Amino acid sequence: MYFLLTCGLFLPFFGTLLGAAFIFFMKSSLHPLAEQVMLGFAAGVMTAASIWSLLLPSMEQASNLGVFSFVPAAAGFLGGVAFLAATDALVRYLEEKGKPCPGDGQGQRSMMTLAVIIHNIPEGLSVGAAFAAVLAGNGSQGAAAASALALSAGVAIQNLPEGFIVALPARSRGEKKIVAFLKGMFSGLPEPAAGALMLFAASRLAPLMPYLLSFSAGAMFCVVLEELIPAAMRDKSRHGGTAGFCLGFLLMMILDVALG
C-alpha cells in the first residue's frame, strides 16, 4: 500500500520532469516564428488548464451551494489575480531598485513560472485527496485505488507540456539546457508535497479546494493576458502565436476532458 501511495503521489512530478526533458532536444537558438508558436502554445495550455482543470472543478465542488456555487470560484479567481498583480508589482519595484531581478523580461518569465507552481498545488491536493479515500476504505478499496491511480496518471500527462513551458523561457535566455531542465523540473515539486499534505489533513483542507482551484486559475489567467499573449503577438505580420495558442488550447482541452 505504501508503495502504491508513493508512486501515486510522485507520478505527476515525473510528468513534469519528462516534459522539462524535452528541452534537451531543442536547438541552441529559436527562430522568432518558432518562439512565437511556443509562447502561443504555452498561453493556450494555461488557458485551457485554467478552465477545465481549475474553474469548472471549483464550481462542481461547490455545487452544494446551489445557484451560489460560483461564489468560491469568483472569490478565488479574483484572489489569484490580485496575488499575481501584487507579486508583479514587487518584482518591478525590486528591478527598479537594482535588487536581484536582473535581465530583460526575467521578471515576466518568473511570473509564468510562479503561476505554474501555484497551479500545481491544488492538482497535488486533488491527487492526495483521492489516495486519502483509498486509506479511509470507503467502498471498494480496489476500485478506489484504481480511480486514484487513473487521476494521478491523468495529471502526469497534463504536466508534460507544463514542464516544457517552464523550461523554455530559461533556454530562450541562453541558459544551459541542464539549468532550464532543472527549473522546469523543480516547478513540479509542489505537487507531491501538496499531495502528502492532503493525505494527512484531508478533512481540514477539503473545504478550501474550490477556493484553491479558482485562485490558481486567476493567477494563470493574469500571466496569460499580461505576459504570454503580448509576447506571442509581438510580430503581427506572422500568425505563429495564434496557431500556437489554438494548438495548445485544443491539446490541453482534449487531455483534460479525456483524462478528467
C-alpha atoms as a PDB file:
ATOM      1  CA  MET A   1       0.000   0.000   0.000  1.00  0.00           C
ATOM      2  CA  TYR A   2       2.794   2.448   0.862  1.00  0.00           C
ATOM      3  CA  PHE A   3       4.488   1.722  -2.474  1.00  0.00           C
ATOM      4  CA  LEU A   4       1.198   2.482  -4.228  1.00  0.00           C
ATOM      5  CA  LEU A   5       0.833   5.765  -2.345  1.00  0.00           C
ATOM      6  CA  THR A   6       4.402   6.813  -3.136  1.00  0.00           C
ATOM      7  CA  CYS A   7       4.018   6.040  -6.839  1.00  0.00           C
ATOM      8  CA  GLY A   8       0.665   7.805  -6.985  1.00  0.00           C
ATOM      9  CA  LEU A   9       1.900  10.971  -5.295  1.00  0.00           C
ATOM     10  CA  PHE A  10       5.086  11.235  -7.384  1.00  0.00           C
ATOM     11  CA  LEU A  11       3.638  10.249 -10.769  1.00  0.00           C
ATOM     12  CA  PRO A  12       2.514  13.833 -11.604  1.00  0.00           C
ATOM     13  CA  PHE A  13       6.008  15.092 -10.738  1.00  0.00           C
ATOM     14  CA  PHE A  14       7.541  12.621 -13.186  1.00  0.00           C
ATOM     15  CA  GLY A  15       5.211  14.009 -15.859  1.00  0.00           C
ATOM     16  CA  THR A  16       6.622  17.493 -15.247  1.00  0.00           C
ATOM     17  CA  LEU A  17      10.164  16.099 -15.242  1.00  0.00           C
ATOM     18  CA  LEU A  18       9.635  14.349 -18.575  1.00  0.00           C
ATOM     19  CA  GLY A  19       8.095  17.476 -20.103  1.00  0.00           C
ATOM     20  CA  ALA A  20      11.059  19.584 -18.990  1.00  0.00           C
ATOM     21  CA  ALA A  21      13.425  16.988 -20.510  1.00  0.00           C
ATOM     22  CA  PHE A  22      12.164  17.895 -23.997  1.00  0.00           C
ATOM     23  CA  ILE A  23      14.358  20.982 -23.686  1.00  0.00           C
ATOM     24  CA  PHE A  24      17.396  18.765 -24.395  1.00  0.00           C
ATOM     25  CA  PHE A  25      16.114  18.173 -27.940  1.00  0.00           C
ATOM     26  CA  MET A  26      15.882  21.880 -28.784  1.00  0.00           C
ATOM     27  CA  LYS A  27      18.438  23.713 -30.901  1.00  0.00           C
ATOM     28  CA  SER A  28      20.682  26.325 -29.292  1.00  0.00           C
ATOM     29  CA  SER A  29      18.614  29.242 -30.584  1.00  0.00           C
ATOM     30  CA  LEU A  30      14.994  29.541 -31.617  1.00  0.00           C
ATOM     31  CA  HIS A  31      13.745  31.082 -34.839  1.00  0.00           C
ATOM     32  CA  PRO A  32      11.494  34.086 -33.983  1.00  0.00           C
ATOM     33  CA  LEU A  33       8.491  32.357 -35.560  1.00  0.00           C
ATOM     34  CA  ALA A  34       9.156  29.178 -33.562  1.00  0.00           C
ATOM     35  CA  GLU A  35       9.374  31.226 -30.360  1.00  0.00           C
ATOM     36  CA  GLN A  36       6.041  32.876 -31.190  1.00  0.00           C
ATOM     37  CA  VAL A  37       4.434  29.478 -31.740  1.00  0.00           C
ATOM     38  CA  MET A  38       5.800  28.130 -28.455  1.00  0.00           C
ATOM     39  CA  LEU A  39       4.729  31.181 -26.458  1.00  0.00           C
ATOM     40  CA  GLY A  40       1.261  30.944 -28.002  1.00  0.00           C
ATOM     41  CA  PHE A  41       1.233  27.223 -27.225  1.00  0.00           C
ATOM     42  CA  ALA A  42       2.079  27.954 -23.575  1.00  0.00           C
ATOM     43  CA  ALA A  43      -0.735  30.527 -23.420  1.00  0.00           C
ATOM     44  CA  GLY A  44      -3.208  28.035 -24.889  1.00  0.00           C
ATOM     45  CA  VAL A  45      -2.178  25.287 -22.477  1.00  0.00           C
ATOM     46  CA  MET A  46      -2.512  27.567 -19.450  1.00  0.00           C
ATOM     47  CA  THR A  47      -5.880  28.973 -20.590  1.00  0.00           C
ATOM     48  CA  ALA A  48      -7.398  25.527 -21.151  1.00  0.00           C
ATOM     49  CA  ALA A  49      -5.961  24.211 -17.883  1.00  0.00           C
ATOM     50  CA  SER A  50      -7.443  27.193 -16.048  1.00  0.00           C
ATOM     51  CA  ILE A  51     -10.914  26.442 -17.384  1.00  0.00           C
ATOM     52  CA  TRP A  52     -11.171  22.639 -17.401  1.00  0.00           C
ATOM     53  CA  SER A  53      -8.760  21.724 -14.605  1.00  0.00           C
ATOM     54  CA  LEU A  54      -9.467  24.581 -12.212  1.00  0.00           C
ATOM     55  CA  LEU A  55     -12.558  26.782 -12.689  1.00  0.00           C
ATOM     56  CA  LEU A  56     -15.067  24.078 -13.664  1.00  0.00           C
ATOM     57  CA  PRO A  57     -13.942  21.669 -10.890  1.00  0.00           C
ATOM     58  CA  SER A  58     -14.074  24.584  -8.442  1.00  0.00           C
ATOM     59  CA  MET A  59     -17.768  25.171  -9.204  1.00  0.00           C
ATOM     60  CA  GLU A  60     -18.506  21.438  -9.222  1.00  0.00           C
ATOM     61  CA  GLN A  61     -17.002  21.019  -5.758  1.00  0.00           C
ATOM     62  CA  ALA A  62     -19.116  23.934  -4.503  1.00  0.00           C
ATOM     63  CA  SER A  63     -22.325  22.547  -6.036  1.00  0.00           C
ATOM     64  CA  ASN A  64     -23.842  22.188  -2.560  1.00  0.00           C
ATOM     65  CA  LEU A  65     -24.248  25.983  -2.608  1.00  0.00           C
ATOM     66  CA  GLY A  66     -26.801  25.711  -5.412  1.00  0.00           C
ATOM     67  CA  VAL A  67     -27.122  28.866  -7.515  1.00  0.00           C
ATOM     68  CA  PHE A  68     -24.292  30.406  -5.467  1.00  0.00           C
ATOM     69  CA  SER A  69     -21.768  27.727  -6.462  1.00  0.00           C
ATOM     70  CA  PHE A  70     -19.969  30.410  -8.459  1.00  0.00           C
ATOM     71  CA  VAL A  71     -19.059  32.383  -5.312  1.00  0.00           C
ATOM     72  CA  PRO A  72     -15.956  30.358  -4.275  1.00  0.00           C
ATOM     73  CA  ALA A  73     -14.808  30.288  -7.910  1.00  0.00           C
ATOM     74  CA  ALA A  74     -15.229  34.045  -8.308  1.00  0.00           C
ATOM     75  CA  ALA A  75     -13.630  34.870  -4.955  1.00  0.00           C
ATOM     76  CA  GLY A  76     -10.660  32.582  -5.525  1.00  0.00           C
ATOM     77  CA  PHE A  77     -10.213  33.806  -9.107  1.00  0.00           C
ATOM     78  CA  LEU A  78     -10.068  37.451  -8.023  1.00  0.00           C
ATOM     79  CA  GLY A  79      -7.697  36.493  -5.212  1.00  0.00           C
ATOM     80  CA  GLY A  80      -5.358  34.812  -7.706  1.00  0.00           C
ATOM     81  CA  VAL A  81      -5.367  37.848  -9.991  1.00  0.00           C
ATOM     82  CA  ALA A  82      -4.688  40.164  -7.040  1.00  0.00           C
ATOM     83  CA  PHE A  83      -1.860  37.943  -5.792  1.00  0.00           C
ATOM     84  CA  LEU A  84      -0.112  37.853  -9.184  1.00  0.00           C
ATOM     85  CA  ALA A  85      -0.604  41.599  -9.658  1.00  0.00           C
ATOM     86  CA  ALA A  86       0.931  42.285  -6.234  1.00  0.00           C
ATOM     87  CA  THR A  87       3.813  39.903  -6.923  1.00  0.00           C
ATOM     88  CA  ASP A  88       4.436  41.527 -10.308  1.00  0.00           C
ATOM     89  CA  ALA A  89       4.469  44.962  -8.687  1.00  0.00           C
ATOM     90  CA  LEU A  90       7.000  43.729  -6.121  1.00  0.00           C
ATOM     91  CA  VAL A  91       9.250  42.277  -8.836  1.00  0.00           C
ATOM     92  CA  ARG A  92       9.156  45.518 -10.824  1.00  0.00           C
ATOM     93  CA  TYR A  93       9.929  47.506  -7.673  1.00  0.00           C
ATOM     94  CA  LEU A  94      12.957  45.329  -6.946  1.00  0.00           C
ATOM     95  CA  GLU A  95      14.125  45.676 -10.554  1.00  0.00           C
ATOM     96  CA  GLU A  96      13.922  49.463 -10.312  1.00  0.00           C
ATOM     97  CA  LYS A  97      15.920  49.368  -7.078  1.00  0.00           C
ATOM     98  CA  GLY A  98      18.581  47.177  -8.671  1.00  0.00           C
ATOM     99  CA  LYS A  99      17.821  44.195  -6.459  1.00  0.00           C
ATOM    100  CA  PRO A 100      18.206  40.552  -7.605  1.00  0.00           C
ATOM    101  CA  CYS A 101      15.799  40.532 -10.548  1.00  0.00           C
ATOM    102  CA  PRO A 102      18.209  41.258 -13.423  1.00  0.00           C
ATOM    103  CA  GLY A 103      17.802  40.513 -17.106  1.00  0.00           C
ATOM    104  CA  ASP A 104      15.444  41.719 -19.772  1.00  0.00           C
ATOM    105  CA  GLY A 105      11.997  40.291 -19.128  1.00  0.00           C
ATOM    106  CA  GLN A 106      13.145  37.936 -16.386  1.00  0.00           C
ATOM    107  CA  GLY A 107      10.500  39.263 -14.005  1.00  0.00           C
ATOM    108  CA  GLN A 108       7.802  38.468 -16.556  1.00  0.00           C
ATOM    109  CA  ARG A 109       9.099  34.948 -17.050  1.00  0.00           C
ATOM    110  CA  SER A 110       9.248  34.497 -13.283  1.00  0.00           C
ATOM    111  CA  MET A 111       5.533  35.303 -13.175  1.00  0.00           C
ATOM    112  CA  MET A 112       4.787  32.448 -15.564  1.00  0.00           C
ATOM    113  CA  THR A 113       6.890  30.023 -13.528  1.00  0.00           C
ATOM    114  CA  LEU A 114       5.163  31.143 -10.334  1.00  0.00           C
ATOM    115  CA  ALA A 115       1.738  30.699 -11.933  1.00  0.00           C
ATOM    116  CA  VAL A 116       2.547  27.118 -12.981  1.00  0.00           C
ATOM    117  CA  ILE A 117       3.828  26.337  -9.471  1.00  0.00           C
ATOM    118  CA  ILE A 118       0.645  27.770  -7.922  1.00  0.00           C
ATOM    119  CA  HIS A 119      -1.414  25.756 -10.415  1.00  0.00           C
ATOM    120  CA  ASN A 120       0.381  22.550  -9.386  1.00  0.00           C
ATOM    121  CA  ILE A 121      -0.566  22.888  -5.709  1.00  0.00           C
ATOM    122  CA  PRO A 122      -4.337  22.217  -5.999  1.00  0.00           C
ATOM    123  CA  GLU A 123      -3.618  19.444  -8.517  1.00  0.00           C
ATOM    124  CA  GLY A 124      -1.386  17.805  -5.907  1.00  0.00           C
ATOM    125  CA  LEU A 125      -4.095  18.281  -3.294  1.00  0.00           C
ATOM    126  CA  SER A 126      -6.625  16.573  -5.583  1.00  0.00           C
ATOM    127  CA  VAL A 127      -4.357  13.545  -6.021  1.00  0.00           C
ATOM    128  CA  GLY A 128      -3.747  13.430  -2.265  1.00  0.00           C
ATOM    129  CA  ALA A 129      -7.493  13.533  -1.600  1.00  0.00           C
ATOM    130  CA  ALA A 130      -8.033  10.575  -3.954  1.00  0.00           C
ATOM    131  CA  PHE A 131      -5.464   8.466  -2.104  1.00  0.00           C
ATOM    132  CA  ALA A 132      -6.854   9.607   1.252  1.00  0.00           C
ATOM    133  CA  ALA A 133     -10.146   7.998   0.172  1.00  0.00           C
ATOM    134  CA  VAL A 134      -8.224   4.762  -0.501  1.00  0.00           C
ATOM    135  CA  LEU A 135      -6.786   4.803   3.020  1.00  0.00           C
ATOM    136  CA  ALA A 136     -10.202   5.591   4.502  1.00  0.00           C
ATOM    137  CA  GLY A 137     -11.543   2.400   2.923  1.00  0.00           C
ATOM    138  CA  ASN A 138     -14.810   3.943   1.703  1.00  0.00           C
ATOM    139  CA  GLY A 139     -16.483   1.399  -0.592  1.00  0.00           C
ATOM    140  CA  SER A 140     -14.331  -0.963  -2.643  1.00  0.00           C
ATOM    141  CA  GLN A 141     -10.674  -0.277  -1.848  1.00  0.00           C
ATOM    142  CA  GLY A 142      -9.537  -1.800  -5.142  1.00  0.00           C
ATOM    143  CA  ALA A 143     -11.836   0.436  -7.175  1.00  0.00           C
ATOM    144  CA  ALA A 144     -10.789   3.483  -5.144  1.00  0.00           C
ATOM    145  CA  ALA A 145      -7.096   2.691  -5.708  1.00  0.00           C
ATOM    146  CA  ALA A 146      -7.636   2.263  -9.456  1.00  0.00           C
ATOM    147  CA  SER A 147      -9.511   5.565  -9.615  1.00  0.00           C
ATOM    148  CA  ALA A 148      -6.775   7.369  -7.658  1.00  0.00           C
ATOM    149  CA  LEU A 149      -4.040   5.956  -9.913  1.00  0.00           C
ATOM    150  CA  ALA A 150      -6.000   6.962 -13.014  1.00  0.00           C
ATOM    151  CA  LEU A 151      -6.308  10.513 -11.676  1.00  0.00           C
ATOM    152  CA  SER A 152      -2.587  10.610 -10.887  1.00  0.00           C
ATOM    153  CA  ALA A 153      -1.692   9.351 -14.375  1.00  0.00           C
ATOM    154  CA  GLY A 154      -4.024  11.898 -15.959  1.00  0.00           C
ATOM    155  CA  VAL A 155      -2.401  14.760 -14.061  1.00  0.00           C
ATOM    156  CA  ALA A 156       1.043  13.435 -15.065  1.00  0.00           C
ATOM    157  CA  ILE A 157       0.113  13.534 -18.760  1.00  0.00           C
ATOM    158  CA  GLN A 158      -1.284  17.055 -18.381  1.00  0.00           C
ATOM    159  CA  ASN A 159       2.001  18.098 -16.754  1.00  0.00           C
ATOM    160  CA  LEU A 160       4.067  17.173 -19.821  1.00  0.00           C
ATOM    161  CA  PRO A 161       3.514  20.499 -21.662  1.00  0.00           C
ATOM    162  CA  GLU A 162       3.658  22.458 -18.395  1.00  0.00           C
ATOM    163  CA  GLY A 163       7.154  21.204 -17.564  1.00  0.00           C
ATOM    164  CA  PHE A 164       8.291  22.249 -21.023  1.00  0.00           C
ATOM    165  CA  ILE A 165       6.791  25.749 -20.955  1.00  0.00           C
ATOM    166  CA  VAL A 166       8.625  26.493 -17.686  1.00  0.00           C
ATOM    167  CA  ALA A 167      11.950  25.283 -19.105  1.00  0.00           C
ATOM    168  CA  LEU A 168      11.503  27.122 -22.420  1.00  0.00           C
ATOM    169  CA  PRO A 169      11.997  30.738 -21.228  1.00  0.00           C
ATOM    170  CA  ALA A 170      15.220  29.846 -19.424  1.00  0.00           C
ATOM    171  CA  ARG A 171      16.592  28.233 -22.582  1.00  0.00           C
ATOM    172  CA  SER A 172      15.496  31.164 -24.779  1.00  0.00           C
ATOM    173  CA  ARG A 173      17.512  33.472 -22.481  1.00  0.00           C
ATOM    174  CA  GLY A 174      20.615  31.477 -23.389  1.00  0.00           C
ATOM    175  CA  GLU A 175      20.901  29.465 -20.177  1.00  0.00           C
ATOM    176  CA  LYS A 176      22.351  25.956 -20.371  1.00  0.00           C
ATOM    177  CA  LYS A 177      19.940  23.160 -21.165  1.00  0.00           C
ATOM    178  CA  ILE A 178      20.564  21.459 -17.823  1.00  0.00           C
ATOM    179  CA  VAL A 179      19.680  24.691 -15.987  1.00  0.00           C
ATOM    180  CA  ALA A 180      16.465  25.093 -17.997  1.00  0.00           C
ATOM    181  CA  PHE A 181      15.616  21.444 -17.340  1.00  0.00           C
ATOM    182  CA  LEU A 182      16.135  21.827 -13.585  1.00  0.00           C
ATOM    183  CA  LYS A 183      13.895  24.910 -13.487  1.00  0.00           C
ATOM    184  CA  GLY A 184      11.146  23.026 -15.290  1.00  0.00           C
ATOM    185  CA  MET A 185      11.596  20.003 -13.046  1.00  0.00           C
ATOM    186  CA  PHE A 186      11.516  21.984  -9.799  1.00  0.00           C
ATOM    187  CA  SER A 187       8.211  23.616 -10.810  1.00  0.00           C
ATOM    188  CA  GLY A 188       6.608  20.197 -10.279  1.00  0.00           C
ATOM    189  CA  LEU A 189       7.929  19.599  -6.765  1.00  0.00           C
ATOM    190  CA  PRO A 190       4.961  21.295  -5.017  1.00  0.00           C
ATOM    191  CA  GLU A 191       2.632  18.576  -6.347  1.00  0.00           C
ATOM    192  CA  PRO A 192       3.879  15.583  -4.323  1.00  0.00           C
ATOM    193  CA  ALA A 193       4.348  17.876  -1.313  1.00  0.00           C
ATOM    194  CA  ALA A 194       0.756  19.128  -1.571  1.00  0.00           C
ATOM    195  CA  GLY A 195      -0.468  15.567  -2.132  1.00  0.00           C
ATOM    196  CA  ALA A 196       1.272  14.331   1.015  1.00  0.00           C
ATOM    197  CA  LEU A 197      -0.172  17.257   2.984  1.00  0.00           C
ATOM    198  CA  MET A 198      -3.688  16.448   1.766  1.00  0.00           C
ATOM    199  CA  LEU A 199      -3.168  12.784   2.588  1.00  0.00           C
ATOM    200  CA  PHE A 200      -2.666  13.600   6.271  1.00  0.00           C
ATOM    201  CA  ALA A 201      -5.072  16.546   6.575  1.00  0.00           C
ATOM    202  CA  ALA A 202      -7.851  15.751   4.086  1.00  0.00           C
ATOM    203  CA  SER A 203     -10.749  16.593   6.406  1.00  0.00           C
ATOM    204  CA  ARG A 204      -9.368  20.088   7.100  1.00  0.00           C
ATOM    205  CA  LEU A 205      -8.225  21.063   3.601  1.00  0.00           C
ATOM    206  CA  ALA A 206     -11.101  19.650   1.533  1.00  0.00           C
ATOM    207  CA  PRO A 207     -13.481  22.612   2.195  1.00  0.00           C
ATOM    208  CA  LEU A 208     -10.834  25.001   0.815  1.00  0.00           C
ATOM    209  CA  MET A 209     -10.401  23.189  -2.505  1.00  0.00           C
ATOM    210  CA  PRO A 210     -12.903  25.305  -4.525  1.00  0.00           C
ATOM    211  CA  TYR A 211     -11.039  28.455  -3.475  1.00  0.00           C
ATOM    212  CA  LEU A 212      -7.578  26.968  -4.107  1.00  0.00           C
ATOM    213  CA  LEU A 213      -8.554  25.765  -7.573  1.00  0.00           C
ATOM    214  CA  SER A 214     -10.001  29.096  -8.678  1.00  0.00           C
ATOM    215  CA  PHE A 215      -7.119  31.020  -7.042  1.00  0.00           C
ATOM    216  CA  SER A 216      -4.742  29.134  -9.332  1.00  0.00           C
ATOM    217  CA  ALA A 217      -6.956  29.866 -12.335  1.00  0.00           C
ATOM    218  CA  GLY A 218      -6.878  33.598 -11.608  1.00  0.00           C
ATOM    219  CA  ALA A 219      -3.097  33.570 -11.314  1.00  0.00           C
ATOM    220  CA  MET A 220      -2.701  31.721 -14.617  1.00  0.00           C
ATOM    221  CA  PHE A 221      -5.140  33.975 -16.476  1.00  0.00           C
ATOM    222  CA  CYS A 222      -3.221  37.012 -15.249  1.00  0.00           C
ATOM    223  CA  VAL A 223       0.049  35.667 -16.669  1.00  0.00           C
ATOM    224  CA  VAL A 224      -1.532  34.649 -19.982  1.00  0.00           C
ATOM    225  CA  LEU A 225      -3.112  38.064 -20.575  1.00  0.00           C
ATOM    226  CA  GLU A 226      -0.250  40.252 -19.371  1.00  0.00           C
ATOM    227  CA  GLU A 227       2.832  38.310 -20.448  1.00  0.00           C
ATOM    228  CA  LEU A 228       2.344  35.392 -22.817  1.00  0.00           C
ATOM    229  CA  ILE A 229      -0.175  36.716 -25.345  1.00  0.00           C
ATOM    230  CA  PRO A 230       1.580  40.103 -25.849  1.00  0.00           C
ATOM    231  CA  ALA A 231       4.910  38.287 -26.356  1.00  0.00           C
ATOM    232  CA  ALA A 232       3.375  35.753 -28.754  1.00  0.00           C
ATOM    233  CA  MET A 233       1.707  38.522 -30.800  1.00  0.00           C
ATOM    234  CA  ARG A 234       4.716  40.854 -30.904  1.00  0.00           C
ATOM    235  CA  ASP A 235       5.160  40.386 -34.659  1.00  0.00           C
ATOM    236  CA  LYS A 236       1.650  40.859 -36.036  1.00  0.00           C
ATOM    237  CA  SER A 237       2.722  40.062 -39.604  1.00  0.00           C
ATOM    238  CA  ARG A 238       3.001  36.412 -38.567  1.00  0.00           C
ATOM    239  CA  HIS A 239       0.287  34.217 -37.142  1.00  0.00           C
ATOM    240  CA  GLY A 240       2.534  31.824 -35.237  1.00  0.00           C
ATOM    241  CA  GLY A 241       1.256  32.994 -31.853  1.00  0.00           C
ATOM    242  CA  THR A 242      -2.370  32.440 -32.849  1.00  0.00           C
ATOM    243  CA  ALA A 243      -1.620  28.997 -34.289  1.00  0.00           C
ATOM    244  CA  GLY A 244       0.352  28.022 -31.184  1.00  0.00           C
ATOM    245  CA  PHE A 245      -2.429  29.222 -28.869  1.00  0.00           C
ATOM    246  CA  CYS A 246      -5.080  27.206 -30.715  1.00  0.00           C
ATOM    247  CA  LEU A 247      -2.890  24.097 -30.737  1.00  0.00           C
ATOM    248  CA  GLY A 248      -2.065  24.374 -27.020  1.00  0.00           C
ATOM    249  CA  PHE A 249      -5.682  25.086 -26.076  1.00  0.00           C
ATOM    250  CA  LEU A 250      -7.022  22.129 -28.075  1.00  0.00           C
ATOM    251  CA  LEU A 251      -4.361  19.747 -26.768  1.00  0.00           C
ATOM    252  CA  MET A 252      -4.996  20.633 -23.128  1.00  0.00           C
ATOM    253  CA  MET A 253      -8.774  20.617 -23.602  1.00  0.00           C
ATOM    254  CA  ILE A 254      -8.602  17.097 -25.070  1.00  0.00           C
ATOM    255  CA  LEU A 255      -6.314  15.881 -22.269  1.00  0.00           C
ATOM    256  CA  ASP A 256      -8.479  17.409 -19.540  1.00  0.00           C
ATOM    257  CA  VAL A 257     -11.744  16.041 -20.924  1.00  0.00           C
ATOM    258  CA  ALA A 258     -10.363  12.621 -21.881  1.00  0.00           C
ATOM    259  CA  LEU A 259      -8.431  12.094 -18.641  1.00  0.00           C
ATOM    260  CA  GLY A 260     -10.576  14.098 -16.232  1.00  0.00           C
END
